[in-house]
Amino acid sequence: MIKTEKITYNAIKEKLQVKKPWDSIIILALNVLISIPVFIILHQNLIDPEWPLHLDRVLIFLSLLIILQLVLRLLKTIIIICLVLYLLALLYGSAFGDYGFRSVFEDYQAMIYTMSEDPNPQDIIISKLLPFPNKSEILDAVDYNTPAVRNFALSATTKFFKEVKGHHDQRKMIQCFAVFKEIRDKWNYVNDPKGREYIAYASESLEHFSGDCDDHAILMAASIRAIGGTPRIIHTGGHLYPEMLVGDMADLEEANYLIKEVLFPDESRGKEIHYHIDEHGQVWLNLDYTASYPGGPFMSEEILGALTLN
């Protein structure tokens, strides 16, 4: 009886083994497939020490490859089972909307692109914000729940970037960028009446797409909020401009890739992405009328006040 069990075990072990040199090739391929998503998770959650040429990330990735290679060597007798389980996990994620093949590919693209094309943060420490000028009037003017503003924002999402495939997790971000593009393409800067601060409602600005910086900021904020985004309006003293909440640093990587490679490649070529980080670590992207792409250069960097609309 004991002998039969031994023979059966050896027979199973023999069937699970892969002949040389295919065992080394499969182990290397599986190593790379596992290392990439693990590296993405580490990259997004570890503090960036800002070493030159991202050498810290290179060392992390090489260490992962070496460690996993040793582990997989020890498991080479059941390498087929490991490979099948890994592929099944990605297939399950792809089928049911979790982390799958497309997610691995998109995250890897964004991560590699951001490591070579760093976004540019601005001053993020604000000791004390001043009272926001005309706060109540501006809040009233951001009439995002009116049919006119909602319908305008919806039309922008069907006009631009609707054909962009993949990037399912960034759908709302892409639609907000479509709103930015529509307003940017149409906006005509016109001064307020002499001696008076005229604050136009967002629904009013839709008629001619004209006005000064506060009118633009109000329209942008209302339109983005109308489709589920979170905008805020920044006060710099003599200028107001809108920003959009992107999320955390991992979301910024996605935004950086989308802007520079997919949605605004011509406008952003060779340029930096500009943003602020608030006290909670959330990233806010510049959407000023002076910017030709989301995250374009700030017209005025000093923040004196911030009015968040959520």
Protein backbone atom coordinates (compact mmCIF):
# COMPACT_ATOMS: atom_id res chain seq x y z
CA MET A 1 0.00 0.00 0.00
CA ILE A 2 2.82 2.39 0.89
CA LYS A 3 4.63 1.55 -2.31
CA THR A 4 1.53 2.33 -4.41
CA GLU A 5 1.18 5.78 -2.84
CA LYS A 6 4.86 6.49 -3.55
CA ILE A 7 4.53 5.45 -7.17
CA THR A 8 1.39 7.53 -7.59
CA TYR A 9 3.07 10.61 -6.09
CA ASN A 10 6.14 10.19 -8.28
CA ALA A 11 3.96 9.75 -11.34
CA ILE A 12 2.06 12.97 -10.57
CA LYS A 13 5.32 14.81 -9.89
CA GLU A 14 6.75 13.58 -13.17
CA LYS A 15 3.73 14.81 -15.12
CA LEU A 16 3.90 18.25 -13.52
CA GLN A 17 7.55 18.74 -14.36
CA VAL A 18 8.51 20.71 -17.47
CA LYS A 19 11.42 19.58 -19.64
CA LYS A 20 14.52 21.72 -20.03
CA PRO A 21 15.01 24.43 -21.30
CA TRP A 22 11.27 25.20 -21.18
CA ASP A 23 11.21 25.14 -17.39
CA SER A 24 13.63 28.10 -17.25
CA ILE A 25 11.73 29.99 -19.94
CA ILE A 26 8.37 29.52 -18.20
CA ILE A 27 9.82 30.48 -14.82
CA LEU A 28 11.28 33.69 -16.27
CA ALA A 29 8.01 34.59 -18.02
CA LEU A 30 6.00 33.92 -14.86
CA ASN A 31 8.51 35.94 -12.84
CA VAL A 32 8.02 38.98 -15.07
CA LEU A 33 4.23 38.62 -15.02
CA ILE A 34 4.17 38.51 -11.22
CA SER A 35 6.84 41.17 -10.71
CA ILE A 36 5.05 43.84 -12.76
CA PRO A 37 1.81 44.11 -10.71
CA VAL A 38 3.69 43.68 -7.41
CA PHE A 39 6.11 46.43 -8.45
CA ILE A 40 3.21 48.69 -9.42
CA ILE A 41 1.69 48.25 -5.94
CA LEU A 42 5.01 48.98 -4.24
CA HIS A 43 5.69 51.96 -6.49
CA GLN A 44 2.33 53.52 -5.73
CA ASN A 45 2.53 53.02 -1.96
CA LEU A 46 6.19 53.60 -1.08
CA ILE A 47 7.46 57.12 -0.47
CA ASP A 48 9.50 58.43 -3.39
CA PRO A 49 12.97 59.45 -2.10
CA GLU A 50 13.48 61.27 -5.43
CA TRP A 51 16.73 59.52 -6.32
CA PRO A 52 18.25 60.53 -9.66
CA LEU A 53 16.93 58.56 -12.65
CA HIS A 54 14.49 56.76 -10.28
CA LEU A 55 17.30 54.42 -9.20
CA ASP A 56 15.32 53.42 -6.10
CA ARG A 57 12.55 52.02 -8.30
CA VAL A 58 15.08 50.22 -10.49
CA LEU A 59 16.62 48.56 -7.43
CA ILE A 60 13.17 47.56 -6.12
CA PHE A 61 12.25 45.95 -9.44
CA LEU A 62 15.57 44.10 -9.74
CA SER A 63 15.25 42.85 -6.15
CA LEU A 64 11.75 41.59 -6.89
CA LEU A 65 12.95 39.72 -9.97
CA ILE A 66 15.78 38.04 -8.06
CA ILE A 67 13.64 37.05 -5.07
CA LEU A 68 10.78 35.73 -7.19
CA GLN A 69 13.21 33.87 -9.45
CA LEU A 70 14.61 32.00 -6.43
CA VAL A 71 11.13 31.23 -5.09
CA LEU A 72 9.88 30.00 -8.45
CA ARG A 73 12.97 27.82 -8.84
CA LEU A 74 12.04 26.08 -5.63
CA LEU A 75 8.52 25.57 -6.95
CA LYS A 76 9.49 24.44 -10.44
CA THR A 77 7.99 21.00 -9.98
CA ILE A 78 4.53 22.56 -9.77
CA ILE A 79 5.22 25.48 -12.12
CA ILE A 80 2.29 24.59 -14.35
CA ILE A 81 -0.15 24.88 -11.43
CA CYS A 82 1.35 28.26 -10.43
CA LEU A 83 1.07 29.55 -13.98
CA VAL A 84 -2.50 28.35 -14.41
CA LEU A 85 -3.60 29.85 -11.08
CA TYR A 86 -2.04 33.21 -11.96
CA LEU A 87 -3.67 33.32 -15.37
CA LEU A 88 -7.01 32.28 -13.89
CA ALA A 89 -6.76 35.11 -11.35
CA LEU A 90 -6.19 37.66 -14.12
CA LEU A 91 -8.96 36.13 -16.23
CA TYR A 92 -11.34 36.37 -13.28
CA GLY A 93 -10.36 40.00 -12.71
CA SER A 94 -10.85 40.83 -16.39
CA ALA A 95 -14.27 39.15 -16.49
CA PHE A 96 -15.70 40.62 -13.30
CA GLY A 97 -14.27 44.13 -13.38
CA ASP A 98 -11.46 43.73 -10.87
CA TYR A 99 -7.74 43.80 -11.54
CA GLY A 100 -7.16 41.96 -14.81
CA PHE A 101 -4.93 41.88 -17.88
CA ARG A 102 -6.00 45.33 -19.13
CA SER A 103 -5.54 46.88 -15.70
CA VAL A 104 -2.00 45.50 -15.43
CA PHE A 105 -1.16 46.86 -18.88
CA GLU A 106 -2.70 50.31 -18.27
CA ASP A 107 -1.12 50.72 -14.83
CA TYR A 108 2.25 49.66 -16.15
CA GLN A 109 2.01 52.16 -19.04
CA ALA A 110 1.08 55.02 -16.73
CA MET A 111 3.77 54.17 -14.21
CA ILE A 112 6.58 53.92 -16.76
CA TYR A 113 5.46 57.13 -18.48
CA THR A 114 5.30 59.10 -15.24
CA MET A 115 8.73 57.89 -14.16
CA SER A 116 10.15 59.45 -17.35
CA GLU A 117 7.81 62.48 -17.50
CA ASP A 118 7.45 63.81 -13.95
CA PRO A 119 4.50 66.08 -13.14
CA ASN A 120 5.46 69.31 -11.44
CA PRO A 121 4.02 70.07 -7.99
CA GLN A 122 3.62 73.66 -6.84
CA ASP A 123 3.74 75.05 -3.30
CA ILE A 124 1.52 72.88 -1.11
CA ILE A 125 1.93 74.45 2.33
CA ILE A 126 -0.67 77.11 3.07
CA SER A 127 -0.26 78.62 6.53
CA LYS A 128 -3.51 80.53 6.54
CA LEU A 129 -6.12 81.09 3.86
CA LEU A 130 -7.80 84.47 3.59
CA PRO A 131 -11.58 84.90 3.39
CA PHE A 132 -12.77 84.04 -0.11
CA PRO A 133 -14.01 87.19 -1.92
CA ASN A 134 -17.69 87.18 -3.01
CA LYS A 135 -18.05 83.65 -1.66
CA SER A 136 -21.84 83.55 -1.41
CA GLU A 137 -22.32 85.09 -4.88
CA ILE A 138 -19.90 82.59 -6.44
CA LEU A 139 -21.55 79.63 -4.73
CA ASP A 140 -24.93 80.75 -6.07
CA ALA A 141 -23.45 81.25 -9.55
CA VAL A 142 -22.15 77.67 -9.69
CA ASP A 143 -25.61 76.44 -10.69
CA TYR A 144 -24.50 72.94 -11.65
CA ASN A 145 -27.94 71.41 -11.07
CA THR A 146 -29.71 73.43 -13.76
CA PRO A 147 -30.69 71.57 -16.95
CA ALA A 148 -28.66 73.94 -19.14
CA VAL A 149 -25.38 73.29 -17.34
CA ARG A 150 -26.00 69.55 -17.03
CA ASN A 151 -26.91 69.21 -20.71
CA PHE A 152 -23.87 71.23 -21.77
CA ALA A 153 -21.55 68.99 -19.76
CA LEU A 154 -23.19 65.87 -21.18
CA SER A 155 -22.79 67.17 -24.73
CA ALA A 156 -19.07 67.74 -24.13
CA THR A 157 -18.60 64.13 -23.01
CA THR A 158 -20.20 62.86 -26.22
CA LYS A 159 -18.23 65.29 -28.40
CA PHE A 160 -14.73 64.56 -27.10
CA PHE A 161 -12.85 61.39 -26.07
CA LYS A 162 -15.88 59.11 -26.23
CA GLU A 163 -13.94 56.80 -28.55
CA VAL A 164 -11.05 56.35 -26.09
CA LYS A 165 -10.87 52.64 -25.27
CA GLY A 166 -9.79 51.09 -22.01
CA HIS A 167 -9.01 53.20 -18.94
CA HIS A 168 -12.39 52.25 -17.44
CA ASP A 169 -11.39 53.36 -13.96
CA GLN A 170 -10.60 56.85 -15.28
CA ARG A 171 -13.88 57.37 -17.16
CA LYS A 172 -15.02 60.27 -14.98
CA MET A 173 -11.61 61.93 -15.24
CA ILE A 174 -11.67 61.62 -19.02
CA GLN A 175 -15.18 63.10 -19.19
CA CYS A 176 -14.10 66.05 -17.02
CA PHE A 177 -11.19 66.59 -19.42
CA ALA A 178 -13.73 66.63 -22.26
CA VAL A 179 -15.59 69.44 -20.46
CA PHE A 180 -12.31 71.33 -20.08
CA LYS A 181 -11.60 70.99 -23.80
CA GLU A 182 -15.05 72.20 -24.84
CA ILE A 183 -14.90 75.30 -22.63
CA ARG A 184 -11.28 76.00 -23.55
CA ASP A 185 -12.03 75.87 -27.28
CA LYS A 186 -15.00 78.23 -26.95
CA TRP A 187 -13.98 80.68 -24.24
CA ASN A 188 -13.63 84.37 -25.12
CA TYR A 189 -12.12 86.61 -22.44
CA VAL A 190 -14.14 89.80 -21.86
CA ASN A 191 -13.66 92.27 -19.01
CA ASP A 192 -16.33 93.13 -16.46
CA PRO A 193 -18.19 96.46 -16.76
CA LYS A 194 -15.93 99.33 -15.68
CA GLY A 195 -15.96 99.84 -11.93
CA ARG A 196 -18.08 96.77 -11.18
CA GLU A 197 -17.43 93.13 -10.30
CA TYR A 198 -19.92 91.20 -12.44
CA ILE A 199 -20.35 87.55 -11.45
CA ALA A 200 -22.16 85.58 -14.12
CA TYR A 201 -24.05 82.38 -13.39
CA ALA A 202 -22.68 79.31 -15.17
CA SER A 203 -25.96 78.91 -17.05
CA GLU A 204 -25.68 82.53 -18.18
CA SER A 205 -22.10 82.11 -19.48
CA LEU A 206 -23.28 79.23 -21.67
CA GLU A 207 -25.02 81.69 -23.97
CA HIS A 208 -21.85 83.34 -25.30
CA PHE A 209 -18.95 81.54 -23.58
CA SER A 210 -17.49 84.92 -22.71
CA GLY A 211 -16.43 86.68 -19.53
CA ASP A 212 -13.46 87.20 -17.24
CA CYS A 213 -11.51 84.73 -15.08
CA ASP A 214 -14.16 84.34 -12.38
CA ASP A 215 -16.87 83.68 -14.98
CA HIS A 216 -14.67 81.01 -16.56
CA ALA A 217 -13.89 79.43 -13.18
CA ILE A 218 -17.58 79.34 -12.27
CA LEU A 219 -18.60 77.72 -15.55
CA MET A 220 -15.80 75.16 -15.38
CA ALA A 221 -16.58 74.27 -11.76
CA ALA A 222 -20.32 73.96 -12.40
CA SER A 223 -19.86 71.81 -15.51
CA ILE A 224 -17.42 69.44 -13.84
CA ARG A 225 -19.60 69.08 -10.79
CA ALA A 226 -22.63 68.43 -13.02
CA ILE A 227 -21.05 65.15 -14.18
CA GLY A 228 -19.79 63.97 -10.81
CA GLY A 229 -16.37 65.63 -10.61
CA THR A 230 -15.09 67.59 -7.63
CA PRO A 231 -13.89 71.09 -8.54
CA ARG A 232 -12.58 73.97 -6.48
CA ILE A 233 -11.94 77.63 -7.24
CA ILE A 234 -8.63 79.19 -6.26
CA HIS A 235 -8.24 82.86 -5.27
CA THR A 236 -4.80 84.42 -5.81
CA GLY A 237 -5.58 88.07 -5.12
CA GLY A 238 -6.23 89.41 -8.59
CA HIS A 239 -7.18 86.16 -10.28
CA LEU A 240 -9.59 83.22 -9.87
CA TYR A 241 -9.10 79.88 -11.56
CA PRO A 242 -10.59 76.36 -11.31
CA GLU A 243 -8.93 73.14 -10.25
CA MET A 244 -10.18 69.58 -10.41
CA LEU A 245 -9.68 66.81 -7.86
CA VAL A 246 -7.72 63.98 -9.47
CA GLY A 247 -7.26 61.74 -6.42
CA ASP A 248 -4.02 60.41 -4.98
CA MET A 249 -0.56 60.15 -6.53
CA ALA A 250 -1.46 56.92 -8.31
CA ASP A 251 -4.40 58.72 -9.95
CA LEU A 252 -2.04 61.54 -10.91
CA GLU A 253 0.10 59.01 -12.77
CA GLU A 254 -2.95 57.99 -14.77
CA ALA A 255 -3.89 61.63 -15.44
CA ASN A 256 -0.36 62.45 -16.53
CA TYR A 257 -0.31 59.55 -18.98
CA LEU A 258 -3.78 60.29 -20.35
CA ILE A 259 -3.07 63.98 -20.88
CA LYS A 260 0.34 63.61 -22.50
CA GLU A 261 -0.11 60.41 -24.47
CA VAL A 262 -3.81 60.01 -25.23
CA LEU A 263 -5.97 63.13 -24.91
CA PHE A 264 -3.78 66.24 -25.29
CA PRO A 265 -0.49 65.01 -26.81
CA ASP A 266 0.06 68.02 -29.09
CA GLU A 267 -0.81 70.67 -26.53
CA SER A 268 1.28 69.10 -23.75
CA ARG A 269 4.28 67.87 -25.74
CA GLY A 270 7.50 68.69 -23.91
CA LYS A 271 5.61 70.41 -21.08
CA GLU A 272 4.94 69.66 -17.43
CA ILE A 273 1.73 68.85 -15.58
CA HIS A 274 1.06 71.42 -12.84
CA TYR A 275 -0.94 70.64 -9.72
CA HIS A 276 -1.36 71.29 -6.00
CA ILE A 277 -1.52 68.80 -3.14
CA ASP A 278 -3.78 69.67 -0.23
CA GLU A 279 -3.30 68.88 3.46
CA HIS A 280 -5.01 65.49 2.97
CA GLY A 281 -2.63 64.42 0.22
CA GLN A 282 -5.22 64.90 -2.52
CA VAL A 283 -4.07 66.10 -5.94
CA TRP A 284 -5.75 69.09 -7.65
CA LEU A 285 -5.10 69.76 -11.33
CA ASN A 286 -5.00 73.26 -12.82
CA LEU A 287 -7.84 74.02 -15.30
CA ASP A 288 -7.26 77.75 -15.86
CA TYR A 289 -8.39 79.40 -19.10
CA THR A 290 -4.73 80.26 -19.77
CA ALA A 291 -3.82 76.53 -19.95
CA SER A 292 -4.09 74.72 -23.27
CA TYR A 293 -4.28 71.33 -21.55
CA PRO A 294 -5.36 70.12 -18.10
CA GLY A 295 -2.48 70.76 -15.74
CA GLY A 296 -1.06 73.58 -17.83
CA PRO A 297 1.13 76.31 -16.25
CA PHE A 298 -0.39 78.44 -13.51
CA MET A 299 -1.04 82.07 -14.34
CA SER A 300 -0.58 82.90 -10.66
CA GLU A 301 0.83 80.33 -8.21
CA GLU A 302 0.20 81.96 -4.83
CA ILE A 303 -2.95 80.65 -3.13
CA LEU A 304 -4.82 83.08 -0.93
CA GLY A 305 -8.12 81.21 -0.81
CA ALA A 306 -9.73 77.95 -1.92
CA LEU A 307 -13.43 77.30 -2.38
CA THR A 308 -14.16 73.57 -2.71
CA LEU A 309 -17.46 72.44 -4.26
CA ASN A 310 -18.40 68.92 -3.23
